[in-house]
Structure formats: C-alpha cells, structure tokens
Amino acid sequence: MNSIKIALCQMNVVDNKERNIENAIKMIKESKKQGADLAVLPEMFNCPYENEKFIEYAEELDNSQTLKEMAKIANEENIHVLAGSIPELERDDEKDTNSIYNTSVFFDNAGKPLGKHRKMHLFDIDVKGKIYFKESDTLSAGNDFTIIKTDLARIGIGICYDIRFVELSRIMALNGAEILIFPGAFNLTTGPAHWELLFRSRALDNQVYAIGVAPALDKDANYNSYGHSIAVNPWGEVIEELDYSEELRIVEIDLDEIKRIREEIPVLKNRRSDLYEIKEK
C-alpha cells in the first residue's frame, strides 16, 4: 500500500497571534507523535476571520513570525506542514501601496518552503438574512495555480472558496495533483449546505483525494467557522469528518486507490476536450 498519514488539525483560533502559533505547534507535535507524515492547519490559523484582523495580523512572508515558527517545527519534528493560511502583506515601495493576500505555504520535513498559494477567488457573498462577507474589501486575489511536488505526493492547493470553482481543481488534477487540499473556514450557513458536498464532488470529479481543514467553531466570534474538517477518497466517499470542536484526527490515504479507480471508471481519459468549447453560431 502506497500510503500517507495526514493530520487534520482543527484548532481553535483566538484574537492572539502568539497563542494561535503555540496551539499550532502543539498540534503539529501531536501529529508527529501519532505518526503523521503531513500536518494541515486551517485557513487563517493565526488570525480571527475578520477583515479588520487581516490588516492587523498581516505579515510579510520573508519576515513572518508565524511562518518562521512553522518552518522551525517542521524541521524539528521531521514532518511536512501545510501552514493553512495567513494574511500576507506585500509592499510596493515604488507605488507606496500595500496588498494583503490570503496565503498558504507548504513546508517539507526539513522546514524548507516548497511553494505558496494565494487564494484566487475572494469570498464576496450576500445570502439575504443570513450572512454577508466581502473579502475584497481588504484582500487581493492571487493568480497562480499551485501544485507542490513533494516526496509524499503531488499536492494541489486551494483555499476555502477556491473549491467552488471546478476549473481550478480540474486543472490541478490534469497537471498531476493526487491530493487536493483546501484549508477553509465555511460558516454556519454555507457549511451545512455545501461543505461536504463540495469536497465529495471535487474528489469524485477528478478521482483524487480531497481534504479540507477548518478552524473549530467559536460561537463568540464575529465569524463562526463550521469546522467539520474532512477527507474524501477518489470514489467520493467521506473517510474522515470531524464535528465543531477543536480536534486532531489522523487519516491514512492510499495513493494506489487513485490509479485503481481511474482504471475502473476512466473519466479523465474519456474527456471530450475536442468538444469543450462553445462556438458562436
């Protein structure tokens, strides 16, 4: 069996960067103790999910307290770490402007950053009478697809709202991604309705593993994360799903399942790409 053990680190996120970093380190250490090869942290794991806090907590990647600690613990514990996401500050000195991105960084087990993903699709929604949120009030969108070649597997990375856009997952799968990981923070409106459905759909569509890791629910926060960190296999079956509370769960995945399922139902091979273009009549 060509297996990997992945830790779903569904952590409580509070309005204190140092405490969030300490909690992340604690969960990564426990992940290693339980035999994980890769620890995955939630979206905005060092920062409350609020536009004002994105500005307050933003860090430049080259001088990020948070990411320095993640690199250090990955090296010390000999474990790969997907550092969920943090608000990334990018300065443009020539234009005298700042941009903030929702950015995920992947570290190998020596603490070396192998790549980063900036959230491509900004979460701007208005569900009447339930939830309004507009990331674009504060954040800028990334423009790059992210597939990380690791010694574990080829891993495609998106962040939260990115999972709703089928083109992103399909392009990553067609370019060799075996596991799609989306640190996310769905809320109590969209989570119960769509979270599991989307992860099952992206896994099934592309015959890959799809994994989502979210912050635990904090009922006192301005934004309430749905939690329910999840892992889905290439057959579209949920193989792990948490509830609302802080919890660490290890999921073992078998990469050989991808090949087997693609041979049984060759969806990607049977694509009619010669027809997938709408032409004006």
Protein backbone atom coordinates (compact mmCIF):
# COMPACT_ATOMS: atom_id res chain seq x y z
CA MET A 1 0.00 0.00 0.00
CA ASN A 2 1.36 3.40 -1.03
CA SER A 3 0.04 5.25 1.99
CA ILE A 4 0.40 8.65 3.62
CA LYS A 5 -0.83 9.73 7.03
CA ILE A 6 -2.28 13.24 7.10
CA ALA A 7 -3.20 15.13 10.27
CA LEU A 8 -6.34 17.28 10.17
CA CYS A 9 -5.53 19.98 12.74
CA GLN A 10 -8.88 21.59 13.54
CA MET A 11 -7.68 24.19 16.01
CA ASN A 12 -9.34 26.95 17.99
CA VAL A 13 -8.31 30.35 16.63
CA VAL A 14 -8.35 33.29 19.05
CA ASP A 15 -7.55 37.00 18.89
CA ASN A 16 -3.94 36.46 19.93
CA LYS A 17 -1.27 35.60 17.38
CA GLU A 18 1.20 34.10 19.87
CA ARG A 19 -1.42 31.79 21.35
CA ASN A 20 -2.50 30.65 17.90
CA ILE A 21 1.09 29.88 16.94
CA GLU A 22 1.62 27.97 20.19
CA ASN A 23 -1.55 25.96 19.55
CA ALA A 24 -0.47 25.17 16.00
CA ILE A 25 2.94 23.98 17.24
CA LYS A 26 1.28 21.82 19.88
CA MET A 27 -0.97 20.18 17.28
CA ILE A 28 1.93 19.61 14.87
CA LYS A 29 3.93 17.91 17.63
CA GLU A 30 0.97 15.70 18.47
CA SER A 31 0.51 14.93 14.77
CA LYS A 32 4.07 13.62 14.59
CA LYS A 33 3.60 11.64 17.80
CA GLN A 34 0.60 9.93 16.18
CA GLY A 35 2.62 9.03 13.09
CA ALA A 36 1.53 11.71 10.61
CA ASP A 37 3.64 12.49 7.55
CA LEU A 38 1.87 15.80 6.88
CA ALA A 39 0.08 18.18 9.25
CA VAL A 40 -2.52 20.51 7.73
CA LEU A 41 -3.60 23.68 9.54
CA PRO A 42 -6.78 25.72 8.92
CA GLU A 43 -7.38 28.83 6.86
CA MET A 44 -6.28 31.94 8.78
CA PHE A 45 -4.94 29.79 11.61
CA ASN A 46 -3.08 32.69 13.23
CA CYS A 47 -5.82 35.29 12.85
CA PRO A 48 -9.54 35.78 13.54
CA TYR A 49 -11.53 35.64 10.31
CA GLU A 50 -12.39 39.34 10.06
CA ASN A 51 -11.34 41.98 7.53
CA GLU A 52 -10.06 44.30 10.24
CA LYS A 53 -7.96 41.50 11.72
CA PHE A 54 -6.47 40.62 8.33
CA ILE A 55 -4.97 44.11 8.31
CA GLU A 56 -3.83 43.93 11.94
CA TYR A 57 -2.26 40.45 11.68
CA ALA A 58 -0.75 40.71 8.18
CA GLU A 59 2.90 39.67 7.85
CA GLU A 60 5.43 39.86 5.04
CA LEU A 61 6.43 36.32 4.08
CA ASP A 62 10.17 36.97 4.35
CA ASN A 63 9.78 38.34 7.86
CA SER A 64 6.81 36.33 9.12
CA GLN A 65 6.90 35.35 12.78
CA THR A 66 4.23 32.75 12.08
CA LEU A 67 5.97 31.08 9.16
CA LYS A 68 9.38 31.08 10.83
CA GLU A 69 7.83 29.09 13.66
CA MET A 70 6.15 26.71 11.20
CA ALA A 71 9.42 26.09 9.37
CA LYS A 72 11.21 25.51 12.66
CA ILE A 73 8.71 22.97 13.98
CA ALA A 74 8.55 21.14 10.63
CA ASN A 75 12.33 20.71 10.79
CA GLU A 76 12.46 19.79 14.48
CA GLU A 77 9.67 17.23 14.23
CA ASN A 78 10.66 15.92 10.77
CA ILE A 79 7.13 16.43 9.44
CA HIS A 80 5.70 18.18 6.38
CA VAL A 81 3.43 21.12 7.23
CA LEU A 82 0.81 22.89 5.16
CA ALA A 83 0.53 26.15 7.06
CA GLY A 84 -3.19 26.64 6.45
CA SER A 85 -3.20 30.28 5.53
CA ILE A 86 -2.24 33.63 7.00
CA PRO A 87 -2.81 37.23 5.90
CA GLU A 88 0.25 38.02 3.77
CA LEU A 89 1.41 41.63 3.44
CA GLU A 90 3.14 42.64 0.22
CA ARG A 91 4.61 46.14 -0.05
CA ASP A 92 5.15 48.00 -3.31
CA ASP A 93 7.66 50.68 -2.42
CA GLU A 94 7.61 52.25 -5.88
CA LYS A 95 3.85 52.81 -5.77
CA ASP A 96 3.85 53.24 -1.97
CA THR A 97 0.98 50.74 -1.65
CA ASN A 98 0.30 47.59 0.35
CA SER A 99 -1.60 44.49 -0.71
CA ILE A 100 -2.85 41.72 1.57
CA TYR A 101 -3.32 38.15 0.34
CA ASN A 102 -4.82 35.05 1.92
CA THR A 103 -1.76 32.84 1.57
CA SER A 104 -0.86 29.22 2.30
CA VAL A 105 2.74 27.97 2.48
CA PHE A 106 3.88 24.35 2.27
CA PHE A 107 6.99 23.25 4.20
CA ASP A 108 8.81 19.98 3.74
CA ASN A 109 10.05 17.94 6.69
CA ALA A 110 13.30 19.93 6.79
CA GLY A 111 11.40 23.19 7.15
CA LYS A 112 12.06 24.27 3.56
CA PRO A 113 9.19 26.15 1.87
CA LEU A 114 8.26 24.26 -1.30
CA GLY A 115 5.65 26.72 -2.54
CA LYS A 116 2.82 29.06 -1.67
CA HIS A 117 -0.76 29.57 -2.78
CA ARG A 118 -2.59 32.87 -2.74
CA LYS A 119 -6.37 32.47 -2.61
CA MET A 120 -7.56 33.02 -6.18
CA HIS A 121 -11.28 33.53 -5.63
CA LEU A 122 -12.24 36.09 -3.00
CA PHE A 123 -15.16 35.29 -0.74
CA ASP A 124 -17.71 38.00 -1.55
CA ILE A 125 -21.18 36.75 -0.63
CA ASP A 126 -24.54 38.14 0.45
CA VAL A 127 -27.00 35.45 1.50
CA LYS A 128 -30.04 37.56 2.37
CA GLY A 129 -30.91 37.49 6.06
CA LYS A 130 -28.09 35.05 6.88
CA ILE A 131 -24.55 36.17 6.08
CA TYR A 132 -22.71 38.99 4.34
CA PHE A 133 -18.95 38.99 3.91
CA LYS A 134 -16.70 40.69 1.39
CA GLU A 135 -13.03 39.65 1.41
CA SER A 136 -12.30 42.02 -1.46
CA ASP A 137 -12.80 44.94 0.95
CA THR A 138 -9.37 44.02 2.31
CA LEU A 139 -7.74 41.22 0.35
CA SER A 140 -6.25 40.95 -3.12
CA ALA A 141 -6.65 37.83 -5.27
CA GLY A 142 -3.83 35.52 -6.28
CA ASN A 143 -3.40 34.49 -9.90
CA ASP A 144 -1.34 31.30 -9.80
CA PHE A 145 -2.22 27.62 -9.75
CA THR A 146 -0.30 25.76 -7.05
CA ILE A 147 0.84 22.16 -7.34
CA ILE A 148 3.55 21.14 -4.90
CA LYS A 149 5.78 18.19 -5.80
CA THR A 150 6.74 16.54 -2.51
CA ASP A 151 8.34 13.23 -1.60
CA LEU A 152 4.89 12.19 -0.37
CA ALA A 153 2.74 13.03 -3.40
CA ARG A 154 1.88 15.79 -5.83
CA ILE A 155 -0.39 18.12 -3.87
CA GLY A 156 -2.69 20.77 -5.31
CA ILE A 157 -3.59 23.63 -3.01
CA GLY A 158 -6.60 25.94 -2.95
CA ILE A 159 -8.09 27.96 -0.12
CA CYS A 160 -11.71 27.74 1.01
CA TYR A 161 -13.88 29.50 -1.62
CA ASP A 162 -11.49 28.23 -4.32
CA ILE A 163 -13.14 24.80 -4.02
CA ARG A 164 -16.38 26.09 -5.56
CA PHE A 165 -14.67 26.70 -8.89
CA VAL A 166 -14.47 23.40 -10.73
CA GLU A 167 -11.89 24.61 -13.24
CA LEU A 168 -9.24 25.07 -10.55
CA SER A 169 -9.47 21.51 -9.24
CA ARG A 170 -9.66 20.02 -12.72
CA ILE A 171 -6.58 21.90 -13.92
CA MET A 172 -4.61 20.78 -10.86
CA ALA A 173 -5.71 17.16 -11.37
CA LEU A 174 -4.84 17.25 -15.08
CA ASN A 175 -1.40 18.53 -14.11
CA GLY A 176 -0.72 15.60 -11.82
CA ALA A 177 -2.15 16.54 -8.43
CA GLU A 178 -3.06 13.40 -6.47
CA ILE A 179 -4.32 15.19 -3.37
CA LEU A 180 -6.25 18.46 -3.33
CA ILE A 181 -6.05 20.31 -0.03
CA PHE A 182 -8.22 23.30 0.79
CA PRO A 183 -7.68 24.96 4.17
CA GLY A 184 -11.06 26.59 4.67
CA ALA A 185 -13.48 28.32 7.01
CA PHE A 186 -17.03 27.79 5.79
CA ASN A 187 -19.65 29.34 8.06
CA LEU A 188 -22.83 28.07 9.71
CA THR A 189 -24.89 28.96 6.63
CA THR A 190 -22.73 27.60 3.82
CA GLY A 191 -21.09 24.80 5.82
CA PRO A 192 -24.12 22.57 6.50
CA ALA A 193 -25.40 23.16 2.96
CA HIS A 194 -22.27 22.78 0.85
CA TRP A 195 -19.05 21.80 2.69
CA GLU A 196 -19.27 18.00 2.43
CA LEU A 197 -20.98 18.16 -0.98
CA LEU A 198 -18.17 20.25 -2.47
CA PHE A 199 -15.37 18.06 -1.16
CA ARG A 200 -17.10 14.90 -2.33
CA SER A 201 -17.74 16.49 -5.72
CA ARG A 202 -14.18 17.65 -6.31
CA ALA A 203 -12.79 14.27 -5.25
CA LEU A 204 -15.27 12.41 -7.45
CA ASP A 205 -14.91 14.78 -10.44
CA ASN A 206 -11.16 14.38 -10.54
CA GLN A 207 -10.67 10.97 -8.90
CA VAL A 208 -8.29 12.35 -6.30
CA TYR A 209 -8.24 12.74 -2.54
CA ALA A 210 -9.80 16.00 -1.36
CA ILE A 211 -9.03 17.33 2.10
CA GLY A 212 -10.36 20.36 3.94
CA VAL A 213 -9.17 21.65 7.31
CA ALA A 214 -11.07 24.39 9.13
CA PRO A 215 -10.88 26.24 12.42
CA ALA A 216 -13.07 24.94 15.23
CA LEU A 217 -16.35 26.74 15.92
CA ASP A 218 -16.13 29.73 18.26
CA LYS A 219 -19.70 30.83 18.96
CA ASP A 220 -18.47 34.11 20.47
CA ALA A 221 -16.50 35.14 17.37
CA ASN A 222 -17.87 37.59 14.81
CA TYR A 223 -17.41 34.92 12.13
CA ASN A 224 -18.46 31.39 13.07
CA SER A 225 -16.45 28.63 11.40
CA TYR A 226 -18.37 25.44 10.62
CA GLY A 227 -15.40 23.21 11.49
CA HIS A 228 -16.06 19.68 10.12
CA SER A 229 -12.56 19.16 8.71
CA ILE A 230 -12.88 16.41 6.13
CA ALA A 231 -11.10 13.85 3.95
CA VAL A 232 -12.72 12.26 0.89
CA ASN A 233 -11.34 9.44 -1.24
CA PRO A 234 -11.28 9.24 -5.08
CA TRP A 235 -14.54 7.25 -5.06
CA GLY A 236 -16.24 10.25 -3.44
CA GLU A 237 -16.58 8.62 -0.02
CA VAL A 238 -16.02 10.57 3.20
CA ILE A 239 -13.32 8.71 5.09
CA GLU A 240 -12.96 11.20 7.96
CA GLU A 241 -15.05 14.13 9.16
CA LEU A 242 -14.83 15.99 12.46
CA ASP A 243 -17.54 17.98 14.22
CA TYR A 244 -17.40 21.57 15.51
CA SER A 245 -14.84 21.23 18.31
CA GLU A 246 -11.08 21.52 18.39
CA GLU A 247 -9.68 18.11 17.48
CA LEU A 248 -6.76 16.41 15.81
CA ARG A 249 -7.54 13.46 13.56
CA ILE A 250 -5.11 11.33 11.53
CA VAL A 251 -6.33 9.98 8.19
CA GLU A 252 -4.40 7.37 6.23
CA ILE A 253 -4.78 7.54 2.47
CA ASP A 254 -3.69 5.05 -0.18
CA LEU A 255 -2.40 6.68 -3.36
CA ASP A 256 -2.80 3.40 -5.26
CA GLU A 257 -6.57 3.93 -4.98
CA ILE A 258 -6.30 6.76 -7.50
CA LYS A 259 -4.89 4.56 -10.23
CA ARG A 260 -7.34 1.75 -9.49
CA ILE A 261 -10.42 3.97 -9.62
CA ARG A 262 -9.24 5.76 -12.76
CA GLU A 263 -8.84 2.38 -14.46
CA GLU A 264 -12.32 1.26 -13.38
CA ILE A 265 -14.06 4.45 -14.48
CA PRO A 266 -11.69 6.34 -16.80
CA VAL A 267 -13.34 9.75 -16.51
CA LEU A 268 -10.24 11.82 -17.21
CA LYS A 269 -9.22 9.60 -20.13
CA ASN A 270 -12.74 9.75 -21.63
CA ARG A 271 -12.96 13.54 -21.63
CA ARG A 272 -14.05 15.04 -24.98
CA SER A 273 -11.75 18.04 -24.91
CA ASP A 274 -12.24 18.37 -28.66
CA LEU A 275 -15.82 19.45 -27.93
CA TYR A 276 -15.43 21.53 -24.78
CA GLU A 277 -15.66 24.91 -26.44
CA ILE A 278 -18.81 26.89 -27.13
CA LYS A 279 -18.73 28.33 -30.62
CA GLU A 280 -20.92 31.16 -31.80
CA LYS A 281 -23.48 30.12 -34.43
